Amino acid sequence: MADMNKVSSTRRYKIFRAGDAVLLASAATQWAFVEYANGSLRCSPEEVWRSFEIGAK
């Protein structure tokens, strides 16, 4: 996980070819924590942010 704030996080991905480790693709996604009942942003639960190492490469 690249970063995390109260309501969202950025996750980065890299896909390498198994045979020769050539980088095939890289991407980043923005995840948001949303209250399902009304669609509003909500603070991420403590158990979520404790489960990830922020800034992992």
PDB file of N, CA and C in Angstrom:
ATOM      1  N   MET A   1       0.854  -1.162   0.000  1.00  0.00           N
ATOM      2  CA  MET A   1       0.000   0.000   0.000  1.00  0.00           C
ATOM      3  C   MET A   1       0.900   1.225   0.000  1.00  0.00           C
ATOM      4  N   ALA A   2       0.631   2.129  -0.908  1.00  0.00           N
ATOM      5  CA  ALA A   2       1.475   3.313  -1.051  1.00  0.00           C
ATOM      6  C   ALA A   2       1.201   4.349   0.036  1.00  0.00           C
ATOM      7  N   ASP A   3      -0.069   4.567   0.353  1.00  0.00           N
ATOM      8  CA  ASP A   3      -0.421   5.518   1.403  1.00  0.00           C
ATOM      9  C   ASP A   3      -1.843   5.247   1.882  1.00  0.00           C
ATOM     10  N   MET A   4      -2.181   5.830   3.003  1.00  0.00           N
ATOM     11  CA  MET A   4      -3.532   5.689   3.547  1.00  0.00           C
ATOM     12  C   MET A   4      -3.845   6.925   4.362  1.00  0.00           C
ATOM     13  N   ASN A   5      -5.052   7.467   4.166  1.00  0.00           N
ATOM     14  CA  ASN A   5      -5.519   8.528   5.047  1.00  0.00           C
ATOM     15  C   ASN A   5      -6.808   8.052   5.708  1.00  0.00           C
ATOM     16  N   LYS A   6      -7.561   8.931   6.295  1.00  0.00           N
ATOM     17  CA  LYS A   6      -8.730   8.507   7.074  1.00  0.00           C
ATOM     18  C   LYS A   6      -9.780   7.763   6.254  1.00  0.00           C
ATOM     19  N   VAL A   7      -9.960   8.142   4.983  1.00  0.00           N
ATOM     20  CA  VAL A   7     -11.047   7.549   4.215  1.00  0.00           C
ATOM     21  C   VAL A   7     -10.616   6.843   2.932  1.00  0.00           C
ATOM     22  N   SER A   8      -9.346   6.924   2.555  1.00  0.00           N
ATOM     23  CA  SER A   8      -8.933   6.287   1.315  1.00  0.00           C
ATOM     24  C   SER A   8      -7.495   5.790   1.387  1.00  0.00           C
ATOM     25  N   SER A   9      -7.130   4.985   0.396  1.00  0.00           N
ATOM     26  CA  SER A   9      -5.762   4.499   0.305  1.00  0.00           C
ATOM     27  C   SER A   9      -5.391   4.296  -1.156  1.00  0.00           C
ATOM     28  N   THR A  10      -4.110   4.432  -1.435  1.00  0.00           N
ATOM     29  CA  THR A  10      -3.587   4.177  -2.774  1.00  0.00           C
ATOM     30  C   THR A  10      -2.850   2.858  -2.743  1.00  0.00           C
ATOM     31  N   ARG A  11      -3.156   2.011  -3.703  1.00  0.00           N
ATOM     32  CA  ARG A  11      -2.482   0.719  -3.814  1.00  0.00           C
ATOM     33  C   ARG A  11      -1.814   0.650  -5.175  1.00  0.00           C
ATOM     34  N   ARG A  12      -0.560   0.222  -5.177  1.00  0.00           N
ATOM     35  CA  ARG A  12       0.218   0.153  -6.414  1.00  0.00           C
ATOM     36  C   ARG A  12       0.537  -1.309  -6.718  1.00  0.00           C
ATOM     37  N   TYR A  13       0.547  -1.625  -8.001  1.00  0.00           N
ATOM     38  CA  TYR A  13       0.757  -3.001  -8.443  1.00  0.00           C
ATOM     39  C   TYR A  13       1.791  -3.027  -9.560  1.00  0.00           C
ATOM     40  N   LYS A  14       2.578  -4.089  -9.609  1.00  0.00           N
ATOM     41  CA  LYS A  14       3.493  -4.354 -10.717  1.00  0.00           C
ATOM     42  C   LYS A  14       3.349  -5.820 -11.080  1.00  0.00           C
ATOM     43  N   ILE A  15       3.299  -6.080 -12.379  1.00  0.00           N
ATOM     44  CA  ILE A  15       3.182  -7.452 -12.873  1.00  0.00           C
ATOM     45  C   ILE A  15       4.429  -7.742 -13.707  1.00  0.00           C
ATOM     46  N   PHE A  16       5.137  -8.799 -13.304  1.00  0.00           N
ATOM     47  CA  PHE A  16       6.362  -9.200 -13.976  1.00  0.00           C
ATOM     48  C   PHE A  16       6.174 -10.544 -14.663  1.00  0.00           C
ATOM     49  N   ARG A  17       6.824 -10.730 -15.807  1.00  0.00           N
ATOM     50  CA  ARG A  17       6.812 -12.007 -16.493  1.00  0.00           C
ATOM     51  C   ARG A  17       7.676 -12.983 -15.701  1.00  0.00           C
ATOM     52  N   ALA A  18       7.161 -14.169 -15.465  1.00  0.00           N
ATOM     53  CA  ALA A  18       7.841 -15.164 -14.626  1.00  0.00           C
ATOM     54  C   ALA A  18       9.184 -15.599 -15.209  1.00  0.00           C
ATOM     55  N   GLY A  19       9.273 -15.789 -16.491  1.00  0.00           N
ATOM     56  CA  GLY A  19      10.488 -16.330 -17.097  1.00  0.00           C
ATOM     57  C   GLY A  19      11.707 -15.449 -16.991  1.00  0.00           C
ATOM     58  N   ASP A  20      11.532 -14.132 -17.202  1.00  0.00           N
ATOM     59  CA  ASP A  20      12.699 -13.245 -17.224  1.00  0.00           C
ATOM     60  C   ASP A  20      12.534 -11.970 -16.392  1.00  0.00           C
ATOM     61  N   ALA A  21      11.495 -11.889 -15.626  1.00  0.00           N
ATOM     62  CA  ALA A  21      11.249 -10.776 -14.696  1.00  0.00           C
ATOM     63  C   ALA A  21      11.097  -9.420 -15.394  1.00  0.00           C
ATOM     64  N   VAL A  22      10.700  -9.422 -16.648  1.00  0.00           N
ATOM     65  CA  VAL A  22      10.429  -8.165 -17.356  1.00  0.00           C
ATOM     66  C   VAL A  22       9.117  -7.584 -16.831  1.00  0.00           C
ATOM     67  N   LEU A  23       9.138  -6.284 -16.553  1.00  0.00           N
ATOM     68  CA  LEU A  23       7.935  -5.601 -16.094  1.00  0.00           C
ATOM     69  C   LEU A  23       6.934  -5.523 -17.240  1.00  0.00           C
ATOM     70  N   LEU A  24       5.763  -6.104 -17.043  1.00  0.00           N
ATOM     71  CA  LEU A  24       4.725  -6.114 -18.068  1.00  0.00           C
ATOM     72  C   LEU A  24       3.706  -5.008 -17.876  1.00  0.00           C
ATOM     73  N   ALA A  25       3.410  -4.671 -16.630  1.00  0.00           N
ATOM     74  CA  ALA A  25       2.404  -3.650 -16.354  1.00  0.00           C
ATOM     75  C   ALA A  25       2.591  -3.099 -14.950  1.00  0.00           C
ATOM     76  N   SER A  26       2.203  -1.854 -14.786  1.00  0.00           N
ATOM     77  CA  SER A  26       2.145  -1.264 -13.443  1.00  0.00           C
ATOM     78  C   SER A  26       0.870  -0.437 -13.367  1.00  0.00           C
ATOM     79  N   ALA A  27       0.317  -0.332 -12.173  1.00  0.00           N
ATOM     80  CA  ALA A  27      -0.952   0.380 -12.010  1.00  0.00           C
ATOM     81  C   ALA A  27      -1.065   0.899 -10.582  1.00  0.00           C
ATOM     82  N   ALA A  28      -1.969   1.835 -10.417  1.00  0.00           N
ATOM     83  CA  ALA A  28      -2.306   2.337  -9.085  1.00  0.00           C
ATOM     84  C   ALA A  28      -3.814   2.462  -9.016  1.00  0.00           C
ATOM     85  N   THR A  29      -4.377   2.106  -7.879  1.00  0.00           N
ATOM     86  CA  THR A  29      -5.807   2.256  -7.662  1.00  0.00           C
ATOM     87  C   THR A  29      -6.037   3.049  -6.387  1.00  0.00           C
ATOM     88  N   GLN A  30      -7.110   3.809  -6.390  1.00  0.00           N
ATOM     89  CA  GLN A  30      -7.502   4.582  -5.220  1.00  0.00           C
ATOM     90  C   GLN A  30      -8.699   3.888  -4.599  1.00  0.00           C
ATOM     91  N   TRP A  31      -8.564   3.416  -3.378  1.00  0.00           N
ATOM     92  CA  TRP A  31      -9.649   2.752  -2.655  1.00  0.00           C
ATOM     93  C   TRP A  31     -10.231   3.738  -1.656  1.00  0.00           C
ATOM     94  N   ALA A  32     -11.543   3.734  -1.507  1.00  0.00           N
ATOM     95  CA  ALA A  32     -12.209   4.600  -0.531  1.00  0.00           C
ATOM     96  C   ALA A  32     -13.084   3.743   0.373  1.00  0.00           C
ATOM     97  N   PHE A  33     -13.194   4.164   1.599  1.00  0.00           N
ATOM     98  CA  PHE A  33     -14.055   3.481   2.562  1.00  0.00           C
ATOM     99  C   PHE A  33     -15.402   4.191   2.548  1.00  0.00           C
ATOM    100  N   VAL A  34     -16.439   3.429   2.222  1.00  0.00           N
ATOM    101  CA  VAL A  34     -17.762   3.998   2.016  1.00  0.00           C
ATOM    102  C   VAL A  34     -18.776   3.313   2.922  1.00  0.00           C
ATOM    103  N   GLU A  35     -19.637   4.111   3.518  1.00  0.00           N
ATOM    104  CA  GLU A  35     -20.747   3.579   4.311  1.00  0.00           C
ATOM    105  C   GLU A  35     -21.782   3.042   3.332  1.00  0.00           C
ATOM    106  N   TYR A  36     -21.958   1.737   3.328  1.00  0.00           N
ATOM    107  CA  TYR A  36     -22.822   1.081   2.352  1.00  0.00           C
ATOM    108  C   TYR A  36     -24.260   1.608   2.404  1.00  0.00           C
ATOM    109  N   ALA A  37     -24.766   1.864   3.577  1.00  0.00           N
ATOM    110  CA  ALA A  37     -26.167   2.252   3.743  1.00  0.00           C
ATOM    111  C   ALA A  37     -26.514   3.569   3.052  1.00  0.00           C
ATOM    112  N   ASN A  38     -25.571   4.534   3.054  1.00  0.00           N
ATOM    113  CA  ASN A  38     -25.912   5.845   2.495  1.00  0.00           C
ATOM    114  C   ASN A  38     -24.892   6.380   1.483  1.00  0.00           C
ATOM    115  N   GLY A  39     -23.841   5.640   1.211  1.00  0.00           N
ATOM    116  CA  GLY A  39     -22.866   6.046   0.205  1.00  0.00           C
ATOM    117  C   GLY A  39     -21.883   7.114   0.634  1.00  0.00           C
ATOM    118  N   SER A  40     -21.865   7.486   1.903  1.00  0.00           N
ATOM    119  CA  SER A  40     -20.948   8.529   2.360  1.00  0.00           C
ATOM    120  C   SER A  40     -19.591   7.921   2.725  1.00  0.00           C
ATOM    121  N   LEU A  41     -18.559   8.753   2.610  1.00  0.00           N
ATOM    122  CA  LEU A  41     -17.224   8.303   3.009  1.00  0.00           C
ATOM    123  C   LEU A  41     -17.195   8.075   4.511  1.00  0.00           C
ATOM    124  N   ARG A  42     -16.405   7.095   4.930  1.00  0.00           N
ATOM    125  CA  ARG A  42     -16.262   6.835   6.367  1.00  0.00           C
ATOM    126  C   ARG A  42     -14.810   6.586   6.696  1.00  0.00           C
ATOM    127  N   CYS A  43     -14.446   6.766   7.931  1.00  0.00           N
ATOM    128  CA  CYS A  43     -13.084   6.495   8.372  1.00  0.00           C
ATOM    129  C   CYS A  43     -12.802   5.008   8.276  1.00  0.00           C
ATOM    130  N   SER A  44     -11.573   4.699   7.880  1.00  0.00           N
ATOM    131  CA  SER A  44     -11.202   3.289   7.783  1.00  0.00           C
ATOM    132  C   SER A  44     -11.105   2.682   9.176  1.00  0.00           C
ATOM    133  N   PRO A  45     -11.591   1.469   9.339  1.00  0.00           N
ATOM    134  CA  PRO A  45     -11.505   0.798  10.639  1.00  0.00           C
ATOM    135  C   PRO A  45     -10.044   0.531  11.020  1.00  0.00           C
ATOM    136  N   GLU A  46      -9.754   0.580  12.283  1.00  0.00           N
ATOM    137  CA  GLU A  46      -8.397   0.363  12.770  1.00  0.00           C
ATOM    138  C   GLU A  46      -7.837  -0.967  12.286  1.00  0.00           C
ATOM    139  N   GLU A  47      -8.649  -2.017  12.269  1.00  0.00           N
ATOM    140  CA  GLU A  47      -8.134  -3.325  11.858  1.00  0.00           C
ATOM    141  C   GLU A  47      -7.697  -3.337  10.390  1.00  0.00           C
ATOM    142  N   VAL A  48      -8.239  -2.441   9.588  1.00  0.00           N
ATOM    143  CA  VAL A  48      -7.817  -2.351   8.185  1.00  0.00           C
ATOM    144  C   VAL A  48      -6.434  -1.737   8.096  1.00  0.00           C
ATOM    145  N   TRP A  49      -6.246  -0.542   8.669  1.00  0.00           N
ATOM    146  CA  TRP A  49      -4.944   0.102   8.498  1.00  0.00           C
ATOM    147  C   TRP A  49      -3.835  -0.599   9.271  1.00  0.00           C
ATOM    148  N   ARG A  50      -4.165  -1.344  10.293  1.00  0.00           N
ATOM    149  CA  ARG A  50      -3.143  -2.117  11.004  1.00  0.00           C
ATOM    150  C   ARG A  50      -2.713  -3.356  10.215  1.00  0.00           C
ATOM    151  N   SER A  51      -3.496  -3.754   9.229  1.00  0.00           N
ATOM    152  CA  SER A  51      -3.221  -4.969   8.451  1.00  0.00           C
ATOM    153  C   SER A  51      -2.229  -4.740   7.318  1.00  0.00           C
ATOM    154  N   PHE A  52      -1.870  -3.483   7.040  1.00  0.00           N
ATOM    155  CA  PHE A  52      -1.024  -3.183   5.907  1.00  0.00           C
ATOM    156  C   PHE A  52       0.220  -2.435   6.324  1.00  0.00           C
ATOM    157  N   GLU A  53       1.290  -2.683   5.594  1.00  0.00           N
ATOM    158  CA  GLU A  53       2.504  -1.909   5.763  1.00  0.00           C
ATOM    159  C   GLU A  53       2.430  -0.744   4.777  1.00  0.00           C
ATOM    160  N   ILE A  54       2.392   0.462   5.272  1.00  0.00           N
ATOM    161  CA  ILE A  54       2.280   1.643   4.428  1.00  0.00           C
ATOM    162  C   ILE A  54       3.642   1.925   3.798  1.00  0.00           C
ATOM    163  N   GLY A  55       3.621   2.202   2.498  1.00  0.00           N
ATOM    164  CA  GLY A  55       4.862   2.498   1.791  1.00  0.00           C
ATOM    165  C   GLY A  55       5.610   1.259   1.352  1.00  0.00           C
ATOM    166  N   ALA A  56       4.976   0.099   1.431  1.00  0.00           N
ATOM    167  CA  ALA A  56       5.641  -1.148   1.010  1.00  0.00           C
ATOM    168  C   ALA A  56       5.944  -1.073  -0.473  1.00  0.00           C
ATOM    169  N   LYS A  57       7.084  -1.588  -0.854  1.00  0.00           N
ATOM    170  CA  LYS A  57       7.498  -1.564  -2.267  1.00  0.00           C
ATOM    171  C   LYS A  57       7.291  -2.920  -2.877  1.00  0.00           C
TER     172      LYS A  57
END
